[in-house]
């Protein structure tokens, strides 16, 4: 499998780093594009240098390299994930403004009907953000905000990041050994309370 992995300047760089690590462990060929502001975010949020990040990928392209293979639909890849994905990038994808390689490669995914996953990071979301995300979803992209889960009882930030990576991999039908999946509701002990008051007891039958 060949995947394009792009990182933009939104917060969430640790997820992109971990995704590249796991994809490498799974033997997936990765084509990496890192925007200018993603490099700044990487330095702010992780101990991973740009050199170390690039070493995790199979192929690396500059953010303005419109001559890269992934800028053309004739170059076959299985999909693309932008993690994290800024609202600026979402807006560019919505209107087809492919000035940089990330937006251009995403445009290629849409026109070729290939999988495009946007790990869109912003909160709260304005009407402009919501409309852009809606239109990109209608065009065929999967919108996947990096929302943490708690049913797997994460004990560390690394646990949260790993779970997000697993959910991203699911979008490409890739199974990761680190997955901790939902297996149904655990039985609740008798007399357990939800809100701490007897009036709100919730016992699973």
N, C-alpha and C. Protein backbone atom coordinates (compact mmCIF):
# COMPACT_ATOMS: atom_id res chain seq x y z
N UNK A 1 0.84 -1.20 0.00
CA UNK A 1 0.00 0.00 0.00
C UNK A 1 0.87 1.24 0.00
N UNK A 2 0.41 2.26 -0.71
CA UNK A 2 1.09 3.56 -0.75
C UNK A 2 0.13 4.65 -0.28
N UNK A 3 0.56 5.41 0.71
CA UNK A 3 -0.26 6.50 1.24
C UNK A 3 0.51 7.80 1.25
N UNK A 4 -0.20 8.87 0.92
CA UNK A 4 0.34 10.22 1.09
C UNK A 4 -0.01 10.66 2.50
N UNK A 5 0.98 11.13 3.24
CA UNK A 5 0.77 11.67 4.58
C UNK A 5 1.22 13.13 4.57
N UNK A 6 0.29 14.02 4.90
CA UNK A 6 0.62 15.45 4.93
C UNK A 6 0.39 15.99 6.33
N UNK A 7 1.25 16.91 6.73
CA UNK A 7 1.11 17.57 8.03
C UNK A 7 1.07 19.07 7.82
N UNK A 8 0.06 19.72 8.42
CA UNK A 8 -0.06 21.17 8.31
C UNK A 8 0.17 21.80 9.69
N UNK A 9 -0.02 23.11 9.78
CA UNK A 9 0.37 23.83 10.98
C UNK A 9 -0.59 23.79 12.14
N UNK A 10 -1.72 23.09 12.02
CA UNK A 10 -2.64 22.99 13.15
C UNK A 10 -2.00 22.18 14.27
N UNK A 11 -2.49 22.37 15.49
CA UNK A 11 -1.98 21.57 16.59
C UNK A 11 -2.34 20.11 16.40
N UNK A 12 -1.47 19.22 16.88
CA UNK A 12 -1.71 17.78 16.70
C UNK A 12 -0.55 17.06 16.05
N UNK A 13 0.62 17.68 16.04
CA UNK A 13 1.79 17.07 15.40
C UNK A 13 2.11 15.68 15.95
N UNK A 14 1.95 15.41 17.27
CA UNK A 14 2.27 14.07 17.76
C UNK A 14 1.49 12.96 17.08
N UNK A 15 0.28 13.26 16.64
CA UNK A 15 -0.52 12.24 15.95
C UNK A 15 0.09 11.91 14.59
N UNK A 16 0.54 12.94 13.88
CA UNK A 16 1.18 12.71 12.60
C UNK A 16 2.47 11.92 12.72
N UNK A 17 3.26 12.24 13.74
CA UNK A 17 4.51 11.52 13.97
C UNK A 17 4.24 10.05 14.27
N UNK A 18 3.31 9.81 15.17
CA UNK A 18 3.00 8.43 15.54
C UNK A 18 2.41 7.65 14.37
N UNK A 19 1.58 8.29 13.57
CA UNK A 19 1.02 7.62 12.40
C UNK A 19 2.12 7.15 11.46
N UNK A 20 3.11 8.00 11.21
CA UNK A 20 4.22 7.61 10.35
C UNK A 20 4.99 6.44 10.93
N UNK A 21 5.19 6.44 12.25
CA UNK A 21 5.88 5.34 12.90
C UNK A 21 5.15 4.02 12.68
N UNK A 22 3.84 4.04 12.90
CA UNK A 22 3.06 2.81 12.80
C UNK A 22 2.94 2.35 11.34
N UNK A 23 2.76 3.28 10.43
CA UNK A 23 2.70 2.91 9.01
C UNK A 23 4.00 2.25 8.58
N UNK A 24 5.12 2.75 9.09
CA UNK A 24 6.40 2.13 8.78
C UNK A 24 6.47 0.71 9.32
N UNK A 25 5.97 0.51 10.54
CA UNK A 25 5.95 -0.82 11.14
C UNK A 25 5.08 -1.78 10.35
N UNK A 26 4.04 -1.26 9.71
CA UNK A 26 3.12 -2.08 8.92
C UNK A 26 3.60 -2.30 7.49
N UNK A 27 4.73 -1.69 7.14
CA UNK A 27 5.27 -1.87 5.80
C UNK A 27 4.59 -1.05 4.72
N UNK A 28 3.89 0.01 5.13
CA UNK A 28 3.21 0.88 4.16
C UNK A 28 4.21 1.90 3.61
N UNK A 29 4.20 2.09 2.30
CA UNK A 29 5.05 3.10 1.67
C UNK A 29 4.40 4.47 1.87
N UNK A 30 5.12 5.39 2.50
CA UNK A 30 4.56 6.70 2.81
C UNK A 30 5.24 7.81 2.03
N UNK A 31 4.42 8.72 1.51
CA UNK A 31 4.90 9.89 0.77
C UNK A 31 4.54 11.12 1.60
N UNK A 32 5.54 11.73 2.19
CA UNK A 32 5.33 12.77 3.20
C UNK A 32 5.50 14.18 2.64
N UNK A 33 4.54 15.05 3.03
CA UNK A 33 4.64 16.48 2.73
C UNK A 33 4.41 17.23 4.04
N UNK A 34 5.33 18.10 4.40
CA UNK A 34 5.23 18.87 5.65
C UNK A 34 5.19 20.35 5.29
N UNK A 35 4.12 21.03 5.67
CA UNK A 35 4.02 22.45 5.36
C UNK A 35 5.01 23.24 6.20
N UNK A 36 5.22 24.51 5.84
CA UNK A 36 6.15 25.35 6.59
C UNK A 36 5.73 25.50 8.05
N UNK A 37 4.45 25.76 8.26
CA UNK A 37 3.99 25.95 9.64
C UNK A 37 3.92 24.64 10.40
N UNK A 38 3.79 23.53 9.69
CA UNK A 38 3.83 22.23 10.37
C UNK A 38 5.20 22.01 11.00
N UNK A 39 6.23 22.52 10.36
CA UNK A 39 7.58 22.39 10.92
C UNK A 39 7.68 23.13 12.24
N UNK A 40 7.06 24.31 12.31
CA UNK A 40 7.07 25.09 13.55
C UNK A 40 6.27 24.37 14.64
N UNK A 41 5.11 23.82 14.27
CA UNK A 41 4.29 23.11 15.23
C UNK A 41 4.99 21.86 15.73
N UNK A 42 5.69 21.18 14.84
CA UNK A 42 6.45 19.99 15.22
C UNK A 42 7.45 20.31 16.32
N UNK A 43 8.13 21.43 16.17
CA UNK A 43 9.13 21.84 17.16
C UNK A 43 8.48 22.24 18.48
N UNK A 44 7.27 22.81 18.42
CA UNK A 44 6.58 23.24 19.63
C UNK A 44 6.00 22.08 20.42
N UNK A 45 5.53 21.05 19.71
CA UNK A 45 4.72 20.01 20.35
C UNK A 45 5.42 18.68 20.56
N UNK A 46 6.58 18.49 19.95
CA UNK A 46 7.25 17.19 20.06
C UNK A 46 8.76 17.38 20.25
N UNK A 47 9.41 16.27 20.56
CA UNK A 47 10.87 16.24 20.62
C UNK A 47 11.45 15.70 19.32
N UNK A 48 10.60 15.49 18.34
CA UNK A 48 11.01 14.93 17.05
C UNK A 48 11.50 16.06 16.14
N UNK A 49 12.70 15.95 15.64
CA UNK A 49 13.24 16.95 14.72
C UNK A 49 12.68 16.71 13.32
N UNK A 50 12.80 17.70 12.47
CA UNK A 50 12.34 17.55 11.10
C UNK A 50 13.11 16.43 10.40
N UNK A 51 14.39 16.34 10.68
CA UNK A 51 15.21 15.27 10.09
C UNK A 51 14.69 13.89 10.52
N UNK A 52 14.38 13.77 11.82
CA UNK A 52 13.86 12.49 12.32
C UNK A 52 12.50 12.18 11.72
N UNK A 53 11.67 13.20 11.57
CA UNK A 53 10.35 13.00 10.96
C UNK A 53 10.49 12.48 9.54
N UNK A 54 11.35 13.12 8.77
CA UNK A 54 11.54 12.71 7.38
C UNK A 54 12.07 11.29 7.27
N UNK A 55 12.87 10.89 8.26
CA UNK A 55 13.44 9.53 8.22
C UNK A 55 12.37 8.46 8.40
N UNK A 56 11.21 8.85 8.92
CA UNK A 56 10.12 7.90 9.12
C UNK A 56 9.36 7.61 7.82
N UNK A 57 9.53 8.46 6.82
CA UNK A 57 8.79 8.33 5.56
C UNK A 57 9.61 7.63 4.49
N UNK A 58 8.92 7.04 3.53
CA UNK A 58 9.59 6.39 2.40
C UNK A 58 10.10 7.43 1.42
N UNK A 59 9.27 8.46 1.17
CA UNK A 59 9.60 9.53 0.22
C UNK A 59 9.15 10.84 0.84
N UNK A 60 9.93 11.90 0.63
CA UNK A 60 9.58 13.21 1.18
C UNK A 60 9.60 14.24 0.06
N UNK A 61 8.58 15.12 0.05
CA UNK A 61 8.50 16.19 -0.95
C UNK A 61 8.43 17.54 -0.25
N UNK A 62 8.90 18.57 -0.92
CA UNK A 62 8.77 19.92 -0.41
C UNK A 62 7.33 20.40 -0.55
N UNK A 63 6.90 21.34 0.30
CA UNK A 63 5.50 21.79 0.28
C UNK A 63 5.10 22.54 -0.99
N UNK A 64 6.08 23.00 -1.78
CA UNK A 64 5.76 23.72 -3.02
C UNK A 64 6.14 22.93 -4.27
N UNK A 65 6.44 21.66 -4.10
CA UNK A 65 6.92 20.85 -5.22
C UNK A 65 5.77 20.36 -6.08
N UNK A 66 5.33 21.20 -6.99
CA UNK A 66 4.23 20.83 -7.87
C UNK A 66 4.65 19.83 -8.95
N UNK A 67 5.96 19.57 -9.03
CA UNK A 67 6.43 18.57 -9.96
C UNK A 67 6.51 17.18 -9.35
N UNK A 68 6.09 17.05 -8.08
CA UNK A 68 6.13 15.75 -7.40
C UNK A 68 5.14 14.78 -8.05
N UNK A 69 5.44 13.50 -8.02
CA UNK A 69 4.53 12.51 -8.61
C UNK A 69 3.11 12.58 -8.05
N UNK A 70 2.98 12.85 -6.75
CA UNK A 70 1.65 12.85 -6.13
C UNK A 70 0.80 14.04 -6.55
N UNK A 71 1.36 14.96 -7.35
CA UNK A 71 0.59 16.09 -7.86
C UNK A 71 -0.21 15.69 -9.10
N UNK A 72 -0.06 14.45 -9.55
CA UNK A 72 -0.75 13.98 -10.75
C UNK A 72 -1.60 12.76 -10.44
N UNK A 73 -2.76 12.72 -11.03
CA UNK A 73 -3.64 11.57 -10.85
C UNK A 73 -3.12 10.33 -11.53
N UNK A 74 -2.20 10.47 -12.45
CA UNK A 74 -1.66 9.30 -13.14
C UNK A 74 -0.70 8.51 -12.26
N UNK A 75 -0.26 9.13 -11.16
CA UNK A 75 0.59 8.43 -10.20
C UNK A 75 -0.31 7.74 -9.20
N UNK A 76 -0.25 6.43 -9.13
CA UNK A 76 -1.20 5.67 -8.32
C UNK A 76 -0.77 5.56 -6.87
N UNK A 77 -1.63 6.02 -5.98
CA UNK A 77 -1.49 5.79 -4.54
C UNK A 77 -2.84 5.31 -4.04
N UNK A 78 -2.86 4.75 -2.84
CA UNK A 78 -4.11 4.20 -2.30
C UNK A 78 -4.93 5.21 -1.52
N UNK A 79 -4.34 6.34 -1.20
CA UNK A 79 -5.08 7.34 -0.45
C UNK A 79 -4.17 8.37 0.17
N UNK A 80 -4.79 9.27 0.93
CA UNK A 80 -4.05 10.37 1.55
C UNK A 80 -4.69 10.72 2.88
N UNK A 81 -3.86 11.05 3.84
CA UNK A 81 -4.34 11.54 5.12
C UNK A 81 -3.60 12.83 5.45
N UNK A 82 -4.34 13.84 5.86
CA UNK A 82 -3.74 15.10 6.31
C UNK A 82 -3.93 15.17 7.81
N UNK A 83 -2.81 15.10 8.55
CA UNK A 83 -2.87 14.98 10.00
C UNK A 83 -1.71 15.73 10.65
N UNK A 84 -1.98 16.81 11.36
CA UNK A 84 -3.28 17.45 11.50
C UNK A 84 -3.62 18.29 10.26
N UNK A 85 -4.90 18.59 10.11
CA UNK A 85 -5.35 19.37 8.96
C UNK A 85 -5.92 20.71 9.44
N UNK A 86 -5.30 21.80 9.02
CA UNK A 86 -5.74 23.13 9.43
C UNK A 86 -7.00 23.54 8.66
N UNK A 87 -7.71 24.51 9.20
CA UNK A 87 -8.89 25.04 8.51
C UNK A 87 -8.50 25.77 7.23
N UNK A 88 -7.30 26.33 7.21
CA UNK A 88 -6.80 26.95 5.99
C UNK A 88 -6.68 25.92 4.87
N UNK A 89 -6.19 24.75 5.22
CA UNK A 89 -6.04 23.68 4.23
C UNK A 89 -7.40 23.18 3.78
N UNK A 90 -8.33 23.04 4.73
CA UNK A 90 -9.70 22.62 4.38
C UNK A 90 -10.31 23.59 3.38
N UNK A 91 -10.13 24.89 3.63
CA UNK A 91 -10.69 25.90 2.73
C UNK A 91 -10.08 25.78 1.33
N UNK A 92 -8.77 25.56 1.27
CA UNK A 92 -8.10 25.42 -0.03
C UNK A 92 -8.61 24.20 -0.78
N UNK A 93 -8.81 23.09 -0.06
CA UNK A 93 -9.32 21.87 -0.70
C UNK A 93 -10.73 22.08 -1.21
N UNK A 94 -11.55 22.79 -0.41
CA UNK A 94 -12.95 22.98 -0.81
C UNK A 94 -13.05 23.70 -2.15
N UNK A 95 -12.24 24.73 -2.35
CA UNK A 95 -12.36 25.53 -3.58
C UNK A 95 -11.39 25.09 -4.68
N UNK A 96 -10.62 24.03 -4.41
CA UNK A 96 -9.70 23.54 -5.42
C UNK A 96 -8.49 24.43 -5.63
N UNK A 97 -8.11 25.16 -4.56
CA UNK A 97 -6.98 26.07 -4.67
C UNK A 97 -5.70 25.30 -4.35
N UNK A 98 -5.16 24.66 -5.37
CA UNK A 98 -4.02 23.78 -5.18
C UNK A 98 -2.69 24.46 -5.38
N UNK A 99 -2.49 25.62 -4.78
CA UNK A 99 -1.22 26.33 -4.95
C UNK A 99 -0.06 25.54 -4.36
N UNK A 100 -0.25 24.96 -3.16
CA UNK A 100 0.78 24.14 -2.54
C UNK A 100 0.55 22.67 -2.83
N UNK A 101 1.55 21.85 -2.58
CA UNK A 101 1.46 20.43 -2.91
C UNK A 101 0.42 19.70 -2.07
N UNK A 102 0.23 20.11 -0.82
CA UNK A 102 -0.74 19.41 0.02
C UNK A 102 -2.15 19.55 -0.55
N UNK A 103 -2.55 20.78 -0.84
CA UNK A 103 -3.89 21.01 -1.39
C UNK A 103 -4.03 20.38 -2.78
N UNK A 104 -2.98 20.44 -3.56
CA UNK A 104 -3.02 19.83 -4.90
C UNK A 104 -3.16 18.31 -4.81
N UNK A 105 -2.39 17.68 -3.93
CA UNK A 105 -2.48 16.23 -3.78
C UNK A 105 -3.87 15.82 -3.28
N UNK A 106 -4.44 16.62 -2.38
CA UNK A 106 -5.78 16.34 -1.90
C UNK A 106 -6.81 16.48 -3.03
N UNK A 107 -6.62 17.49 -3.87
CA UNK A 107 -7.49 17.68 -5.03
C UNK A 107 -7.43 16.47 -5.95
N UNK A 108 -6.23 15.92 -6.10
CA UNK A 108 -6.06 14.72 -6.92
C UNK A 108 -6.84 13.55 -6.33
N UNK A 109 -6.80 13.40 -5.00
CA UNK A 109 -7.53 12.30 -4.36
C UNK A 109 -9.03 12.40 -4.66
N UNK A 110 -9.56 13.62 -4.59
CA UNK A 110 -10.99 13.80 -4.82
C UNK A 110 -11.36 13.52 -6.27
N UNK A 111 -10.59 14.05 -7.19
CA UNK A 111 -10.95 13.87 -8.61
C UNK A 111 -10.77 12.44 -9.07
N UNK A 112 -9.85 11.71 -8.43
CA UNK A 112 -9.62 10.32 -8.80
C UNK A 112 -10.44 9.34 -7.95
N UNK A 113 -11.27 9.89 -7.06
CA UNK A 113 -12.12 9.10 -6.19
C UNK A 113 -11.31 8.14 -5.31
N UNK A 114 -10.20 8.66 -4.77
CA UNK A 114 -9.39 7.89 -3.85
C UNK A 114 -9.66 8.36 -2.42
N UNK A 115 -9.28 7.57 -1.45
CA UNK A 115 -9.58 7.89 -0.07
C UNK A 115 -8.78 9.12 0.40
N UNK A 116 -9.50 10.05 0.96
CA UNK A 116 -8.90 11.26 1.53
C UNK A 116 -9.44 11.44 2.93
N UNK A 117 -8.56 11.41 3.92
CA UNK A 117 -8.96 11.56 5.31
C UNK A 117 -8.37 12.85 5.86
N UNK A 118 -9.23 13.70 6.37
CA UNK A 118 -8.79 14.98 6.94
C UNK A 118 -8.96 14.94 8.45
N UNK A 119 -7.85 14.91 9.18
CA UNK A 119 -7.89 14.95 10.64
C UNK A 119 -7.92 16.43 11.01
N UNK A 120 -9.12 16.99 10.87
CA UNK A 120 -9.33 18.44 10.96
C UNK A 120 -9.32 18.90 12.41
N UNK A 121 -8.43 19.86 12.69
CA UNK A 121 -8.23 20.30 14.08
C UNK A 121 -8.55 21.78 14.26
N UNK A 122 -9.66 22.01 14.93
CA UNK A 122 -10.03 23.38 15.32
C UNK A 122 -11.16 23.28 16.33
N UNK A 123 -11.20 24.21 17.27
CA UNK A 123 -12.31 24.25 18.22
C UNK A 123 -12.37 25.63 18.86
N UNK A 124 -13.56 26.20 19.03
CA UNK A 124 -14.82 25.76 18.44
C UNK A 124 -14.82 25.99 16.93
N UNK A 125 -15.79 25.42 16.27
CA UNK A 125 -15.89 25.54 14.82
C UNK A 125 -16.87 26.65 14.45
N UNK A 126 -16.44 27.53 13.57
CA UNK A 126 -17.32 28.59 13.09
C UNK A 126 -18.22 28.05 11.98
N UNK A 127 -19.20 28.84 11.58
CA UNK A 127 -20.06 28.45 10.47
C UNK A 127 -19.23 28.27 9.19
N UNK A 128 -18.24 29.13 9.01
CA UNK A 128 -17.36 29.00 7.84
C UNK A 128 -16.66 27.65 7.85
N UNK A 129 -16.11 27.27 9.00
CA UNK A 129 -15.44 25.97 9.11
C UNK A 129 -16.40 24.83 8.80
N UNK A 130 -17.59 24.88 9.39
CA UNK A 130 -18.57 23.82 9.23
C UNK A 130 -19.02 23.69 7.78
N UNK A 131 -19.22 24.83 7.12
CA UNK A 131 -19.63 24.78 5.72
C UNK A 131 -18.52 24.21 4.83
N UNK A 132 -17.29 24.62 5.10
CA UNK A 132 -16.17 24.08 4.32
C UNK A 132 -16.02 22.57 4.53
N UNK A 133 -16.10 22.13 5.78
CA UNK A 133 -15.99 20.71 6.07
C UNK A 133 -17.12 19.91 5.43
N UNK A 134 -18.33 20.47 5.46
CA UNK A 134 -19.48 19.80 4.85
C UNK A 134 -19.29 19.62 3.36
N UNK A 135 -18.84 20.67 2.68
CA UNK A 135 -18.67 20.60 1.23
C UNK A 135 -17.54 19.63 0.85
N UNK A 136 -16.46 19.61 1.64
CA UNK A 136 -15.38 18.69 1.36
C UNK A 136 -15.85 17.25 1.58
N UNK A 137 -16.68 17.03 2.59
CA UNK A 137 -17.24 15.70 2.82
C UNK A 137 -18.14 15.29 1.66
N UNK A 138 -18.93 16.22 1.16
CA UNK A 138 -19.79 15.92 0.01
C UNK A 138 -18.98 15.58 -1.23
N UNK A 139 -17.78 16.15 -1.31
CA UNK A 139 -16.90 15.88 -2.45
C UNK A 139 -16.24 14.51 -2.35
N UNK A 140 -16.32 13.89 -1.16
CA UNK A 140 -15.80 12.54 -1.03
C UNK A 140 -14.79 12.32 0.07
N UNK A 141 -14.39 13.38 0.78
CA UNK A 141 -13.40 13.22 1.86
C UNK A 141 -14.07 12.69 3.13
N UNK A 142 -13.27 12.05 3.96
CA UNK A 142 -13.70 11.65 5.29
C UNK A 142 -13.18 12.68 6.29
N UNK A 143 -14.08 13.29 7.04
CA UNK A 143 -13.70 14.27 8.05
C UNK A 143 -13.58 13.56 9.38
N UNK A 144 -12.39 13.61 9.96
CA UNK A 144 -12.13 12.84 11.17
C UNK A 144 -11.43 13.70 12.21
N UNK A 145 -12.17 14.49 12.98
CA UNK A 145 -11.55 15.29 14.03
C UNK A 145 -10.85 14.38 15.04
N UNK A 146 -9.72 14.79 15.58
CA UNK A 146 -8.98 13.95 16.53
C UNK A 146 -9.63 13.96 17.91
N UNK A 147 -10.79 13.34 17.99
CA UNK A 147 -11.56 13.30 19.24
C UNK A 147 -11.12 12.10 20.07
N UNK A 148 -10.67 12.31 21.30
CA UNK A 148 -10.21 11.18 22.12
C UNK A 148 -11.37 10.32 22.59
N UNK A 149 -11.07 9.05 22.85
CA UNK A 149 -12.05 8.13 23.44
C UNK A 149 -11.63 7.86 24.88
N UNK A 150 -12.60 7.50 25.71
CA UNK A 150 -12.30 7.22 27.11
C UNK A 150 -12.73 5.82 27.53
N UNK A 151 -13.47 5.11 26.65
CA UNK A 151 -13.89 3.76 27.00
C UNK A 151 -12.69 2.81 27.09
N UNK A 152 -11.58 3.16 26.44
CA UNK A 152 -10.38 2.34 26.53
C UNK A 152 -9.49 2.74 27.71
N UNK A 153 -9.99 3.66 28.53
CA UNK A 153 -9.33 4.10 29.76
C UNK A 153 -7.86 4.49 29.54
N UNK A 154 -7.62 5.52 28.73
CA UNK A 154 -6.24 5.94 28.48
C UNK A 154 -5.59 6.46 29.76
N UNK A 155 -4.35 6.07 29.98
CA UNK A 155 -3.64 6.50 31.17
C UNK A 155 -2.62 7.59 30.86
N UNK A 156 -2.26 7.71 29.60
CA UNK A 156 -1.25 8.69 29.19
C UNK A 156 -1.67 9.37 27.90
N UNK A 157 -0.99 10.46 27.56
CA UNK A 157 -1.23 11.12 26.28
C UNK A 157 -0.89 10.17 25.15
N UNK A 158 0.13 9.35 25.34
CA UNK A 158 0.50 8.38 24.30
C UNK A 158 -0.64 7.41 24.02
N UNK A 159 -1.40 7.03 25.05
CA UNK A 159 -2.55 6.15 24.85
C UNK A 159 -3.61 6.83 23.98
N UNK A 160 -3.83 8.11 24.23
CA UNK A 160 -4.81 8.87 23.45
C UNK A 160 -4.36 8.96 21.99
N UNK A 161 -3.09 9.28 21.79
CA UNK A 161 -2.55 9.39 20.43
C UNK A 161 -2.64 8.06 19.70
N UNK A 162 -2.28 6.97 20.39
CA UNK A 162 -2.33 5.65 19.76
C UNK A 162 -3.74 5.30 19.31
N UNK A 163 -4.73 5.63 20.14
CA UNK A 163 -6.11 5.33 19.76
C UNK A 163 -6.52 6.13 18.52
N UNK A 164 -6.12 7.37 18.45
CA UNK A 164 -6.43 8.18 17.27
C UNK A 164 -5.78 7.59 16.03
N UNK A 165 -4.54 7.13 16.17
CA UNK A 165 -3.84 6.52 15.04
C UNK A 165 -4.56 5.26 14.57
N UNK A 166 -5.01 4.46 15.52
CA UNK A 166 -5.76 3.25 15.16
C UNK A 166 -7.00 3.59 14.35
N UNK A 167 -7.72 4.62 14.76
CA UNK A 167 -8.95 5.01 14.06
C UNK A 167 -8.65 5.55 12.66
N UNK A 168 -7.50 6.24 12.52
CA UNK A 168 -7.09 6.69 11.18
C UNK A 168 -6.78 5.49 10.30
N UNK A 169 -6.05 4.53 10.84
CA UNK A 169 -5.70 3.34 10.08
C UNK A 169 -6.95 2.57 9.65
N UNK A 170 -7.97 2.58 10.49
CA UNK A 170 -9.23 1.92 10.15
C UNK A 170 -9.80 2.44 8.83
N UNK A 171 -9.60 3.71 8.56
CA UNK A 171 -10.16 4.32 7.34
C UNK A 171 -9.51 3.76 6.08
N UNK A 172 -8.34 3.14 6.26
CA UNK A 172 -7.63 2.54 5.12
C UNK A 172 -7.57 1.01 5.25
N UNK A 173 -8.43 0.47 6.11
CA UNK A 173 -8.51 -0.98 6.32
C UNK A 173 -7.18 -1.58 6.74
N UNK A 174 -6.45 -0.84 7.57
CA UNK A 174 -5.19 -1.31 8.11
C UNK A 174 -5.37 -1.65 9.59
N UNK A 175 -4.91 -2.81 9.99
CA UNK A 175 -5.04 -3.25 11.36
C UNK A 175 -3.72 -3.04 12.10
N UNK A 176 -3.79 -2.41 13.27
CA UNK A 176 -2.60 -2.14 14.07
C UNK A 176 -2.63 -3.01 15.33
N UNK A 177 -1.50 -3.63 15.68
CA UNK A 177 -1.45 -4.45 16.89
C UNK A 177 -1.77 -3.67 18.16
N UNK A 178 -1.58 -2.36 18.14
CA UNK A 178 -1.78 -1.56 19.35
C UNK A 178 -3.26 -1.22 19.60
N UNK A 179 -4.15 -1.70 18.74
CA UNK A 179 -5.57 -1.35 18.86
C UNK A 179 -6.19 -1.91 20.13
N UNK A 180 -6.91 -1.06 20.85
CA UNK A 180 -7.73 -1.47 21.99
C UNK A 180 -9.16 -1.07 21.66
N UNK A 181 -9.96 -2.05 21.25
CA UNK A 181 -11.27 -1.75 20.68
C UNK A 181 -12.41 -1.95 21.68
N UNK A 182 -13.50 -1.28 21.38
CA UNK A 182 -14.71 -1.40 22.17
C UNK A 182 -15.25 -2.82 22.06
N UNK A 183 -15.52 -3.45 23.19
CA UNK A 183 -16.01 -4.82 23.21
C UNK A 183 -17.33 -4.92 23.96
N UNK A 184 -18.04 -3.83 24.02
CA UNK A 184 -19.33 -3.83 24.70
C UNK A 184 -19.24 -3.27 26.11
N UNK A 185 -20.38 -2.91 26.63
CA UNK A 185 -20.46 -2.33 27.96
C UNK A 185 -20.11 -3.35 29.03
N UNK A 186 -19.24 -2.96 29.96
CA UNK A 186 -18.92 -3.83 31.08
C UNK A 186 -20.06 -3.83 32.09
N UNK A 187 -20.30 -4.96 32.74
CA UNK A 187 -21.37 -4.99 33.76
C UNK A 187 -21.09 -3.97 34.86
N UNK A 188 -22.12 -3.25 35.26
CA UNK A 188 -21.98 -2.27 36.33
C UNK A 188 -22.31 -2.91 37.66
N UNK A 189 -21.44 -2.75 38.65
CA UNK A 189 -21.72 -3.36 39.97
C UNK A 189 -23.06 -2.86 40.52
N UNK A 190 -23.76 -3.72 41.26
CA UNK A 190 -25.03 -3.28 41.88
C UNK A 190 -24.83 -2.03 42.73
N UNK A 191 -25.82 -1.15 42.71
CA UNK A 191 -25.85 0.08 43.50
C UNK A 191 -24.84 1.12 43.00
N UNK A 192 -24.23 0.89 41.84
CA UNK A 192 -23.33 1.91 41.28
C UNK A 192 -24.15 3.11 40.86
N UNK A 193 -23.59 4.29 41.03
CA UNK A 193 -24.29 5.51 40.67
C UNK A 193 -23.58 6.23 39.54
N UNK A 194 -24.35 6.96 38.77
CA UNK A 194 -23.80 7.72 37.66
C UNK A 194 -23.36 9.10 38.11
N UNK A 195 -24.21 9.78 38.86
CA UNK A 195 -23.93 11.17 39.22
C UNK A 195 -23.50 11.33 40.67
N UNK A 196 -23.44 10.22 41.39
CA UNK A 196 -23.04 10.32 42.79
C UNK A 196 -24.22 10.44 43.73
N UNK A 197 -25.45 10.41 43.20
CA UNK A 197 -26.64 10.50 44.04
C UNK A 197 -27.49 9.26 43.82
N UNK A 198 -28.17 8.86 44.87
CA UNK A 198 -28.98 7.63 44.80
C UNK A 198 -30.11 7.77 43.78
N UNK A 199 -30.55 9.02 43.56
CA UNK A 199 -31.67 9.25 42.64
C UNK A 199 -31.30 8.92 41.19
N UNK A 200 -29.98 8.86 40.90
CA UNK A 200 -29.56 8.61 39.53
C UNK A 200 -28.82 7.29 39.39
N UNK A 201 -29.25 6.26 40.13
CA UNK A 201 -28.64 4.97 40.01
C UNK A 201 -28.91 4.41 38.62
N UNK A 202 -27.88 3.75 38.06
CA UNK A 202 -28.02 3.14 36.75
C UNK A 202 -27.39 1.76 36.81
N UNK A 203 -28.19 0.75 36.98
CA UNK A 203 -27.68 -0.61 37.09
C UNK A 203 -27.94 -1.33 35.76
N UNK A 204 -26.88 -1.93 35.20
CA UNK A 204 -27.04 -2.67 33.95
C UNK A 204 -27.60 -4.03 34.26
N UNK A 205 -28.74 -4.35 33.67
CA UNK A 205 -29.39 -5.62 33.94
C UNK A 205 -28.64 -6.76 33.28
